[in-house]
Amino acid sequence: MLVLTRKENEAIIIAEKVRVVVAEIQGTKVRLGVEAPRNVAVDREEIHLRKLGPTRGPPEVFTQQEYDVLTDHAQCEPMTFYGRPMYVREGSPLPIA
């Protein structure tokens, strides 16, 4: 996970298509503004997980080093993000609480 520090009205850009702006900070709450193409779904995580259904979780993303030490390479798809090899496993089951 990449962790960034941003101040109010500062932004980050994702994949040259999505812009996330810190719109407001009030105490422990941060309001974000997201500018994305219409074909890119933008949901809060709990809504995204609800859409996936009860048995499917968010994708797992691994760096090359993490992939190399995985014991289970099943359903890992190689992808490139800014020239960096990554591996994505879609819809991994959520742990049962």
PDB file of N, CA and C in Angstrom:
ATOM      1  N   MET A   1       0.846  -1.169   0.000  1.00  0.00           N
ATOM      2  CA  MET A   1       0.000   0.000   0.000  1.00  0.00           C
ATOM      3  C   MET A   1       0.891   1.231   0.000  1.00  0.00           C
ATOM      4  N   LEU A   2       0.557   2.151  -0.848  1.00  0.00           N
ATOM      5  CA  LEU A   2       1.251   3.426  -0.901  1.00  0.00           C
ATOM      6  C   LEU A   2       0.526   4.398   0.024  1.00  0.00           C
ATOM      7  N   VAL A   3       1.254   5.039   0.909  1.00  0.00           N
ATOM      8  CA  VAL A   3       0.659   6.016   1.823  1.00  0.00           C
ATOM      9  C   VAL A   3       1.213   7.392   1.473  1.00  0.00           C
ATOM     10  N   LEU A   4       0.304   8.339   1.213  1.00  0.00           N
ATOM     11  CA  LEU A   4       0.694   9.690   0.819  1.00  0.00           C
ATOM     12  C   LEU A   4       0.168  10.698   1.828  1.00  0.00           C
ATOM     13  N   THR A   5       0.858  11.801   1.962  1.00  0.00           N
ATOM     14  CA  THR A   5       0.388  12.912   2.783  1.00  0.00           C
ATOM     15  C   THR A   5      -0.059  14.024   1.851  1.00  0.00           C
ATOM     16  N   ARG A   6      -1.275  14.501   2.039  1.00  0.00           N
ATOM     17  CA  ARG A   6      -1.818  15.587   1.238  1.00  0.00           C
ATOM     18  C   ARG A   6      -2.502  16.577   2.168  1.00  0.00           C
ATOM     19  N   LYS A   7      -2.474  17.835   1.796  1.00  0.00           N
ATOM     20  CA  LYS A   7      -3.171  18.881   2.532  1.00  0.00           C
ATOM     21  C   LYS A   7      -4.486  19.178   1.816  1.00  0.00           C
ATOM     22  N   GLU A   8      -5.336  19.963   2.463  1.00  0.00           N
ATOM     23  CA  GLU A   8      -6.595  20.356   1.847  1.00  0.00           C
ATOM     24  C   GLU A   8      -6.322  20.998   0.485  1.00  0.00           C
ATOM     25  N   ASN A   9      -7.137  20.662  -0.492  1.00  0.00           N
ATOM     26  CA  ASN A   9      -7.060  21.128  -1.885  1.00  0.00           C
ATOM     27  C   ASN A   9      -5.895  20.545  -2.673  1.00  0.00           C
ATOM     28  N   GLU A  10      -5.139  19.620  -2.102  1.00  0.00           N
ATOM     29  CA  GLU A  10      -4.105  18.920  -2.856  1.00  0.00           C
ATOM     30  C   GLU A  10      -4.683  17.612  -3.383  1.00  0.00           C
ATOM     31  N   ALA A  11      -4.075  17.068  -4.436  1.00  0.00           N
ATOM     32  CA  ALA A  11      -4.646  15.900  -5.112  1.00  0.00           C
ATOM     33  C   ALA A  11      -3.599  14.840  -5.377  1.00  0.00           C
ATOM     34  N   ILE A  12      -4.096  13.653  -5.726  1.00  0.00           N
ATOM     35  CA  ILE A  12      -3.265  12.593  -6.290  1.00  0.00           C
ATOM     36  C   ILE A  12      -3.913  12.179  -7.603  1.00  0.00           C
ATOM     37  N   ILE A  13      -3.117  11.650  -8.511  1.00  0.00           N
ATOM     38  CA  ILE A  13      -3.600  11.190  -9.808  1.00  0.00           C
ATOM     39  C   ILE A  13      -3.335   9.693  -9.891  1.00  0.00           C
ATOM     40  N   ILE A  14      -4.345   8.933 -10.303  1.00  0.00           N
ATOM     41  CA  ILE A  14      -4.227   7.479 -10.419  1.00  0.00           C
ATOM     42  C   ILE A  14      -4.372   7.092 -11.882  1.00  0.00           C
ATOM     43  N   ALA A  15      -3.359   6.404 -12.395  1.00  0.00           N
ATOM     44  CA  ALA A  15      -3.366   5.872 -13.768  1.00  0.00           C
ATOM     45  C   ALA A  15      -3.693   6.937 -14.812  1.00  0.00           C
ATOM     46  N   GLU A  16      -3.290   8.165 -14.559  1.00  0.00           N
ATOM     47  CA  GLU A  16      -3.482   9.270 -15.495  1.00  0.00           C
ATOM     48  C   GLU A  16      -4.937   9.520 -15.850  1.00  0.00           C
ATOM     49  N   LYS A  17      -5.879   8.936 -15.092  1.00  0.00           N
ATOM     50  CA  LYS A  17      -7.297   9.071 -15.423  1.00  0.00           C
ATOM     51  C   LYS A  17      -8.148   9.499 -14.239  1.00  0.00           C
ATOM     52  N   VAL A  18      -7.737   9.179 -13.039  1.00  0.00           N
ATOM     53  CA  VAL A  18      -8.549   9.458 -11.851  1.00  0.00           C
ATOM     54  C   VAL A  18      -7.812  10.467 -10.983  1.00  0.00           C
ATOM     55  N   ARG A  19      -8.523  11.519 -10.582  1.00  0.00           N
ATOM     56  CA  ARG A  19      -7.949  12.555  -9.719  1.00  0.00           C
ATOM     57  C   ARG A  19      -8.709  12.538  -8.405  1.00  0.00           C
ATOM     58  N   VAL A  20      -7.982  12.395  -7.296  1.00  0.00           N
ATOM     59  CA  VAL A  20      -8.573  12.384  -5.960  1.00  0.00           C
ATOM     60  C   VAL A  20      -8.058  13.614  -5.224  1.00  0.00           C
ATOM     61  N   VAL A  21      -8.997  14.471  -4.780  1.00  0.00           N
ATOM     62  CA  VAL A  21      -8.658  15.738  -4.138  1.00  0.00           C
ATOM     63  C   VAL A  21      -9.126  15.708  -2.683  1.00  0.00           C
ATOM     64  N   VAL A  22      -8.278  16.195  -1.784  1.00  0.00           N
ATOM     65  CA  VAL A  22      -8.698  16.380  -0.402  1.00  0.00           C
ATOM     66  C   VAL A  22      -9.546  17.649  -0.388  1.00  0.00           C
ATOM     67  N   ALA A  23     -10.865  17.470  -0.281  1.00  0.00           N
ATOM     68  CA  ALA A  23     -11.778  18.608  -0.372  1.00  0.00           C
ATOM     69  C   ALA A  23     -11.900  19.355   0.948  1.00  0.00           C
ATOM     70  N   GLU A  24     -11.876  18.619   2.051  1.00  0.00           N
ATOM     71  CA  GLU A  24     -12.078  19.254   3.351  1.00  0.00           C
ATOM     72  C   GLU A  24     -11.575  18.334   4.454  1.00  0.00           C
ATOM     73  N   ILE A  25     -11.019  18.925   5.498  1.00  0.00           N
ATOM     74  CA  ILE A  25     -10.595  18.187   6.679  1.00  0.00           C
ATOM     75  C   ILE A  25     -11.278  18.808   7.885  1.00  0.00           C
ATOM     76  N   GLN A  26     -12.025  17.986   8.629  1.00  0.00           N
ATOM     77  CA  GLN A  26     -12.698  18.452   9.848  1.00  0.00           C
ATOM     78  C   GLN A  26     -12.408  17.447  10.956  1.00  0.00           C
ATOM     79  N   GLY A  27     -11.513  17.794  11.847  1.00  0.00           N
ATOM     80  CA  GLY A  27     -11.156  16.879  12.936  1.00  0.00           C
ATOM     81  C   GLY A  27     -10.576  15.590  12.391  1.00  0.00           C
ATOM     82  N   THR A  28     -11.257  14.464  12.681  1.00  0.00           N
ATOM     83  CA  THR A  28     -10.770  13.164  12.215  1.00  0.00           C
ATOM     84  C   THR A  28     -11.401  12.737  10.895  1.00  0.00           C
ATOM     85  N   LYS A  29     -12.224  13.596  10.294  1.00  0.00           N
ATOM     86  CA  LYS A  29     -12.881  13.244   9.034  1.00  0.00           C
ATOM     87  C   LYS A  29     -12.246  13.994   7.872  1.00  0.00           C
ATOM     88  N   VAL A  30     -12.115  13.289   6.765  1.00  0.00           N
ATOM     89  CA  VAL A  30     -11.560  13.860   5.542  1.00  0.00           C
ATOM     90  C   VAL A  30     -12.580  13.660   4.432  1.00  0.00           C
ATOM     91  N   ARG A  31     -12.914  14.715   3.734  1.00  0.00           N
ATOM     92  CA  ARG A  31     -13.806  14.614   2.571  1.00  0.00           C
ATOM     93  C   ARG A  31     -12.946  14.597   1.323  1.00  0.00           C
ATOM     94  N   LEU A  32     -13.212  13.632   0.462  1.00  0.00           N
ATOM     95  CA  LEU A  32     -12.460  13.486  -0.774  1.00  0.00           C
ATOM     96  C   LEU A  32     -13.360  13.764  -1.962  1.00  0.00           C
ATOM     97  N   GLY A  33     -12.808  14.383  -2.971  1.00  0.00           N
ATOM     98  CA  GLY A  33     -13.493  14.552  -4.242  1.00  0.00           C
ATOM     99  C   GLY A  33     -12.805  13.660  -5.263  1.00  0.00           C
ATOM    100  N   VAL A  34     -13.584  12.951  -6.076  1.00  0.00           N
ATOM    101  CA  VAL A  34     -13.019  12.032  -7.064  1.00  0.00           C
ATOM    102  C   VAL A  34     -13.513  12.439  -8.442  1.00  0.00           C
ATOM    103  N   GLU A  35     -12.568  12.697  -9.343  1.00  0.00           N
ATOM    104  CA  GLU A  35     -12.885  12.979 -10.742  1.00  0.00           C
ATOM    105  C   GLU A  35     -12.402  11.794 -11.555  1.00  0.00           C
ATOM    106  N   ALA A  36     -13.342  11.113 -12.216  1.00  0.00           N
ATOM    107  CA  ALA A  36     -13.003   9.920 -12.980  1.00  0.00           C
ATOM    108  C   ALA A  36     -13.863   9.861 -14.236  1.00  0.00           C
ATOM    109  N   PRO A  37     -13.389   9.172 -15.274  1.00  0.00           N
ATOM    110  CA  PRO A  37     -14.219   8.987 -16.462  1.00  0.00           C
ATOM    111  C   PRO A  37     -15.512   8.254 -16.099  1.00  0.00           C
ATOM    112  N   ARG A  38     -16.549   8.474 -16.858  1.00  0.00           N
ATOM    113  CA  ARG A  38     -17.856   7.855 -16.577  1.00  0.00           C
ATOM    114  C   ARG A  38     -17.789   6.334 -16.547  1.00  0.00           C
ATOM    115  N   ASN A  39     -16.877   5.742 -17.315  1.00  0.00           N
ATOM    116  CA  ASN A  39     -16.807   4.275 -17.365  1.00  0.00           C
ATOM    117  C   ASN A  39     -16.010   3.681 -16.196  1.00  0.00           C
ATOM    118  N   VAL A  40     -15.535   4.505 -15.276  1.00  0.00           N
ATOM    119  CA  VAL A  40     -14.796   4.024 -14.108  1.00  0.00           C
ATOM    120  C   VAL A  40     -15.720   4.103 -12.891  1.00  0.00           C
ATOM    121  N   ALA A  41     -16.001   2.952 -12.305  1.00  0.00           N
ATOM    122  CA  ALA A  41     -16.863   2.915 -11.122  1.00  0.00           C
ATOM    123  C   ALA A  41     -16.094   3.463  -9.923  1.00  0.00           C
ATOM    124  N   VAL A  42     -16.744   4.344  -9.165  1.00  0.00           N
ATOM    125  CA  VAL A  42     -16.158   4.890  -7.945  1.00  0.00           C
ATOM    126  C   VAL A  42     -17.174   4.654  -6.830  1.00  0.00           C
ATOM    127  N   ASP A  43     -16.823   3.782  -5.891  1.00  0.00           N
ATOM    128  CA  ASP A  43     -17.714   3.440  -4.781  1.00  0.00           C
ATOM    129  C   ASP A  43     -16.951   3.495  -3.472  1.00  0.00           C
ATOM    130  N   ARG A  44     -17.674   3.726  -2.379  1.00  0.00           N
ATOM    131  CA  ARG A  44     -17.091   3.498  -1.064  1.00  0.00           C
ATOM    132  C   ARG A  44     -16.845   1.994  -0.956  1.00  0.00           C
ATOM    133  N   GLU A  45     -15.850   1.597  -0.181  1.00  0.00           N
ATOM    134  CA  GLU A  45     -15.488   0.179  -0.113  1.00  0.00           C
ATOM    135  C   GLU A  45     -16.655  -0.700   0.315  1.00  0.00           C
ATOM    136  N   GLU A  46     -17.436  -0.258   1.305  1.00  0.00           N
ATOM    137  CA  GLU A  46     -18.536  -1.110   1.772  1.00  0.00           C
ATOM    138  C   GLU A  46     -19.587  -1.320   0.684  1.00  0.00           C
ATOM    139  N   ILE A  47     -19.801  -0.323  -0.173  1.00  0.00           N
ATOM    140  CA  ILE A  47     -20.739  -0.472  -1.289  1.00  0.00           C
ATOM    141  C   ILE A  47     -20.147  -1.417  -2.333  1.00  0.00           C
ATOM    142  N   HIS A  48     -18.892  -1.255  -2.631  1.00  0.00           N
ATOM    143  CA  HIS A  48     -18.206  -2.120  -3.595  1.00  0.00           C
ATOM    144  C   HIS A  48     -18.298  -3.579  -3.159  1.00  0.00           C
ATOM    145  N   LEU A  49     -18.028  -3.847  -1.877  1.00  0.00           N
ATOM    146  CA  LEU A  49     -18.079  -5.221  -1.373  1.00  0.00           C
ATOM    147  C   LEU A  49     -19.496  -5.767  -1.406  1.00  0.00           C
ATOM    148  N   ARG A  50     -20.487  -4.918  -1.135  1.00  0.00           N
ATOM    149  CA  ARG A  50     -21.892  -5.348  -1.194  1.00  0.00           C
ATOM    150  C   ARG A  50     -22.258  -5.749  -2.622  1.00  0.00           C
ATOM    151  N   LYS A  51     -21.760  -5.001  -3.609  1.00  0.00           N
ATOM    152  CA  LYS A  51     -22.035  -5.332  -5.010  1.00  0.00           C
ATOM    153  C   LYS A  51     -21.405  -6.657  -5.411  1.00  0.00           C
ATOM    154  N   LEU A  52     -20.245  -6.982  -4.818  1.00  0.00           N
ATOM    155  CA  LEU A  52     -19.560  -8.228  -5.156  1.00  0.00           C
ATOM    156  C   LEU A  52     -20.298  -9.445  -4.643  1.00  0.00           C
ATOM    157  N   GLY A  53     -21.077  -9.276  -3.597  1.00  0.00           N
ATOM    158  CA  GLY A  53     -21.789 -10.410  -3.011  1.00  0.00           C
ATOM    159  C   GLY A  53     -21.083 -10.894  -1.762  1.00  0.00           C
ATOM    160  N   PRO A  54     -21.714 -11.822  -1.047  1.00  0.00           N
ATOM    161  CA  PRO A  54     -21.213 -12.224   0.259  1.00  0.00           C
ATOM    162  C   PRO A  54     -19.934 -13.069   0.243  1.00  0.00           C
ATOM    163  N   THR A  55     -19.598 -13.692  -0.883  1.00  0.00           N
ATOM    164  CA  THR A  55     -18.455 -14.599  -0.870  1.00  0.00           C
ATOM    165  C   THR A  55     -17.247 -14.066  -1.622  1.00  0.00           C
ATOM    166  N   ARG A  56     -17.368 -12.901  -2.228  1.00  0.00           N
ATOM    167  CA  ARG A  56     -16.265 -12.386  -3.027  1.00  0.00           C
ATOM    168  C   ARG A  56     -15.708 -11.113  -2.419  1.00  0.00           C
ATOM    169  N   GLY A  57     -14.419 -11.034  -2.286  1.00  0.00           N
ATOM    170  CA  GLY A  57     -13.778  -9.867  -1.703  1.00  0.00           C
ATOM    171  C   GLY A  57     -13.100  -9.015  -2.756  1.00  0.00           C
ATOM    172  N   PRO A  58     -12.385  -7.985  -2.313  1.00  0.00           N
ATOM    173  CA  PRO A  58     -11.669  -7.122  -3.246  1.00  0.00           C
ATOM    174  C   PRO A  58     -10.482  -7.862  -3.855  1.00  0.00           C
ATOM    175  N   PRO A  59      -9.954  -7.369  -4.977  1.00  0.00           N
ATOM    176  CA  PRO A  59      -8.802  -8.034  -5.575  1.00  0.00           C
ATOM    177  C   PRO A  59      -7.578  -7.930  -4.683  1.00  0.00           C
ATOM    178  N   GLU A  60      -6.747  -8.939  -4.753  1.00  0.00           N
ATOM    179  CA  GLU A  60      -5.454  -8.899  -4.069  1.00  0.00           C
ATOM    180  C   GLU A  60      -4.417  -8.493  -5.104  1.00  0.00           C
ATOM    181  N   VAL A  61      -3.519  -7.604  -4.739  1.00  0.00           N
ATOM    182  CA  VAL A  61      -2.480  -7.132  -5.652  1.00  0.00           C
ATOM    183  C   VAL A  61      -1.126  -7.423  -5.019  1.00  0.00           C
ATOM    184  N   PHE A  62      -0.229  -8.037  -5.791  1.00  0.00           N
ATOM    185  CA  PHE A  62       1.082  -8.436  -5.292  1.00  0.00           C
ATOM    186  C   PHE A  62       2.182  -7.835  -6.147  1.00  0.00           C
ATOM    187  N   THR A  63       3.267  -7.410  -5.514  1.00  0.00           N
ATOM    188  CA  THR A  63       4.467  -7.026  -6.251  1.00  0.00           C
ATOM    189  C   THR A  63       5.157  -8.298  -6.722  1.00  0.00           C
ATOM    190  N   GLN A  64       6.160  -8.176  -7.566  1.00  0.00           N
ATOM    191  CA  GLN A  64       6.898  -9.343  -8.035  1.00  0.00           C
ATOM    192  C   GLN A  64       7.503 -10.101  -6.852  1.00  0.00           C
ATOM    193  N   GLN A  65       8.066  -9.370  -5.891  1.00  0.00           N
ATOM    194  CA  GLN A  65       8.683 -10.017  -4.736  1.00  0.00           C
ATOM    195  C   GLN A  65       7.646 -10.772  -3.903  1.00  0.00           C
ATOM    196  N   GLU A  66       6.469 -10.184  -3.699  1.00  0.00           N
ATOM    197  CA  GLU A  66       5.408 -10.858  -2.951  1.00  0.00           C
ATOM    198  C   GLU A  66       4.909 -12.086  -3.710  1.00  0.00           C
ATOM    199  N   TYR A  67       4.775 -11.951  -5.027  1.00  0.00           N
ATOM    200  CA  TYR A  67       4.315 -13.064  -5.860  1.00  0.00           C
ATOM    201  C   TYR A  67       5.290 -14.237  -5.788  1.00  0.00           C
ATOM    202  N   ASP A  68       6.586 -13.913  -5.795  1.00  0.00           N
ATOM    203  CA  ASP A  68       7.609 -14.962  -5.762  1.00  0.00           C
ATOM    204  C   ASP A  68       7.525 -15.831  -4.518  1.00  0.00           C
ATOM    205  N   VAL A  69       7.076 -15.271  -3.395  1.00  0.00           N
ATOM    206  CA  VAL A  69       7.014 -16.067  -2.153  1.00  0.00           C
ATOM    207  C   VAL A  69       5.622 -16.632  -1.878  1.00  0.00           C
ATOM    208  N   LEU A  70       4.634 -16.346  -2.756  1.00  0.00           N
ATOM    209  CA  LEU A  70       3.294 -16.910  -2.578  1.00  0.00           C
ATOM    210  C   LEU A  70       3.337 -18.419  -2.721  1.00  0.00           C
ATOM    211  N   THR A  71       2.603 -19.106  -1.883  1.00  0.00           N
ATOM    212  CA  THR A  71       2.519 -20.563  -2.027  1.00  0.00           C
ATOM    213  C   THR A  71       1.425 -20.941  -3.019  1.00  0.00           C
ATOM    214  N   ASP A  72       0.461 -20.043  -3.235  1.00  0.00           N
ATOM    215  CA  ASP A  72      -0.650 -20.309  -4.140  1.00  0.00           C
ATOM    216  C   ASP A  72      -0.690 -19.241  -5.233  1.00  0.00           C
ATOM    217  N   HIS A  73      -0.259 -19.607  -6.435  1.00  0.00           N
ATOM    218  CA  HIS A  73      -0.265 -18.675  -7.557  1.00  0.00           C
ATOM    219  C   HIS A  73      -1.554 -18.769  -8.369  1.00  0.00           C
ATOM    220  N   ALA A  74      -2.520 -19.563  -7.890  1.00  0.00           N
ATOM    221  CA  ALA A  74      -3.756 -19.797  -8.631  1.00  0.00           C
ATOM    222  C   ALA A  74      -4.487 -18.494  -8.902  1.00  0.00           C
ATOM    223  N   GLN A  75      -4.941 -18.341 -10.119  1.00  0.00           N
ATOM    224  CA  GLN A  75      -5.756 -17.218 -10.566  1.00  0.00           C
ATOM    225  C   GLN A  75      -5.057 -15.863 -10.452  1.00  0.00           C
ATOM    226  N   CYS A  76      -3.732 -15.844 -10.382  1.00  0.00           N
ATOM    227  CA  CYS A  76      -2.989 -14.581 -10.381  1.00  0.00           C
ATOM    228  C   CYS A  76      -2.708 -14.192 -11.826  1.00  0.00           C
ATOM    229  N   GLU A  77      -3.132 -12.998 -12.200  1.00  0.00           N
ATOM    230  CA  GLU A  77      -2.935 -12.505 -13.555  1.00  0.00           C
ATOM    231  C   GLU A  77      -1.807 -11.481 -13.568  1.00  0.00           C
ATOM    232  N   PRO A  78      -0.799 -11.648 -14.435  1.00  0.00           N
ATOM    233  CA  PRO A  78       0.256 -10.636 -14.508  1.00  0.00           C
ATOM    234  C   PRO A  78      -0.271  -9.351 -15.143  1.00  0.00           C
ATOM    235  N   MET A  79       0.105  -8.216 -14.580  1.00  0.00           N
ATOM    236  CA  MET A  79      -0.268  -6.916 -15.106  1.00  0.00           C
ATOM    237  C   MET A  79       0.924  -5.984 -14.945  1.00  0.00           C
ATOM    238  N   THR A  80       0.897  -4.879 -15.641  1.00  0.00           N
ATOM    239  CA  THR A  80       1.957  -3.883 -15.527  1.00  0.00           C
ATOM    240  C   THR A  80       1.331  -2.573 -15.093  1.00  0.00           C
ATOM    241  N   PHE A  81       1.900  -1.955 -14.073  1.00  0.00           N
ATOM    242  CA  PHE A  81       1.429  -0.665 -13.591  1.00  0.00           C
ATOM    243  C   PHE A  81       2.619   0.275 -13.599  1.00  0.00           C
ATOM    244  N   TYR A  82       2.573   1.253 -14.495  1.00  0.00           N
ATOM    245  CA  TYR A  82       3.686   2.192 -14.685  1.00  0.00           C
ATOM    246  C   TYR A  82       5.015   1.467 -14.875  1.00  0.00           C
ATOM    247  N   GLY A  83       4.993   0.444 -15.724  1.00  0.00           N
ATOM    248  CA  GLY A  83       6.203  -0.284 -16.055  1.00  0.00           C
ATOM    249  C   GLY A  83       6.650  -1.274 -14.995  1.00  0.00           C
ATOM    250  N   ARG A  84       5.873  -1.412 -13.933  1.00  0.00           N
ATOM    251  CA  ARG A  84       6.238  -2.304 -12.827  1.00  0.00           C
ATOM    252  C   ARG A  84       5.363  -3.558 -12.866  1.00  0.00           C
ATOM    253  N   PRO A  85       5.977  -4.746 -12.878  1.00  0.00           N
ATOM    254  CA  PRO A  85       5.151  -5.961 -12.907  1.00  0.00           C
ATOM    255  C   PRO A  85       4.390  -6.141 -11.599  1.00  0.00           C
ATOM    256  N   MET A  86       3.107  -6.419 -11.726  1.00  0.00           N
ATOM    257  CA  MET A  86       2.244  -6.681 -10.581  1.00  0.00           C
ATOM    258  C   MET A  86       1.438  -7.932 -10.906  1.00  0.00           C
ATOM    259  N   TYR A  87       0.860  -8.543  -9.895  1.00  0.00           N
ATOM    260  CA  TYR A  87       0.003  -9.709 -10.076  1.00  0.00           C
ATOM    261  C   TYR A  87      -1.299  -9.453  -9.328  1.00  0.00           C
ATOM    262  N   VAL A  88      -2.423  -9.726  -9.994  1.00  0.00           N
ATOM    263  CA  VAL A  88      -3.733  -9.456  -9.410  1.00  0.00           C
ATOM    264  C   VAL A  88      -4.525 -10.750  -9.365  1.00  0.00           C
ATOM    265  N   ARG A  89      -5.128 -11.004  -8.212  1.00  0.00           N
ATOM    266  CA  ARG A  89      -6.027 -12.140  -8.046  1.00  0.00           C
ATOM    267  C   ARG A  89      -7.397 -11.550  -7.751  1.00  0.00           C
ATOM    268  N   GLU A  90      -8.320 -11.663  -8.693  1.00  0.00           N
ATOM    269  CA  GLU A  90      -9.653 -11.060  -8.558  1.00  0.00           C
ATOM    270  C   GLU A  90     -10.548 -11.850  -7.618  1.00  0.00           C
ATOM    271  N   GLY A  91     -11.346 -11.095  -6.869  1.00  0.00           N
ATOM    272  CA  GLY A  91     -12.436 -11.681  -6.091  1.00  0.00           C
ATOM    273  C   GLY A  91     -12.062 -12.735  -5.097  1.00  0.00           C
ATOM    274  N   SER A  92     -10.960 -12.568  -4.401  1.00  0.00           N
ATOM    275  CA  SER A  92     -10.585 -13.541  -3.385  1.00  0.00           C
ATOM    276  C   SER A  92     -11.678 -13.603  -2.333  1.00  0.00           C
ATOM    277  N   PRO A  93     -11.957 -14.791  -1.802  1.00  0.00           N
ATOM    278  CA  PRO A  93     -13.014 -14.894  -0.801  1.00  0.00           C
ATOM    279  C   PRO A  93     -12.692 -14.068   0.429  1.00  0.00           C
ATOM    280  N   LEU A  94     -13.720 -13.465   1.005  1.00  0.00           N
ATOM    281  CA  LEU A  94     -13.538 -12.720   2.244  1.00  0.00           C
ATOM    282  C   LEU A  94     -13.411 -13.705   3.399  1.00  0.00           C
ATOM    283  N   PRO A  95     -12.560 -13.382   4.388  1.00  0.00           N
ATOM    284  CA  PRO A  95     -12.472 -14.278   5.542  1.00  0.00           C
ATOM    285  C   PRO A  95     -13.800 -14.297   6.288  1.00  0.00           C
ATOM    286  N   ILE A  96     -14.198 -15.462   6.752  1.00  0.00           N
ATOM    287  CA  ILE A  96     -15.442 -15.598   7.489  1.00  0.00           C
ATOM    288  C   ILE A  96     -15.191 -15.230   8.938  1.00  0.00           C
ATOM    289  N   ALA A  97     -15.960 -14.240   9.427  1.00  0.00           N
ATOM    290  CA  ALA A  97     -15.755 -13.753  10.789  1.00  0.00           C
ATOM    291  C   ALA A  97     -16.533 -14.588  11.778  1.00  0.00           C
TER     292      ALA A  97
END
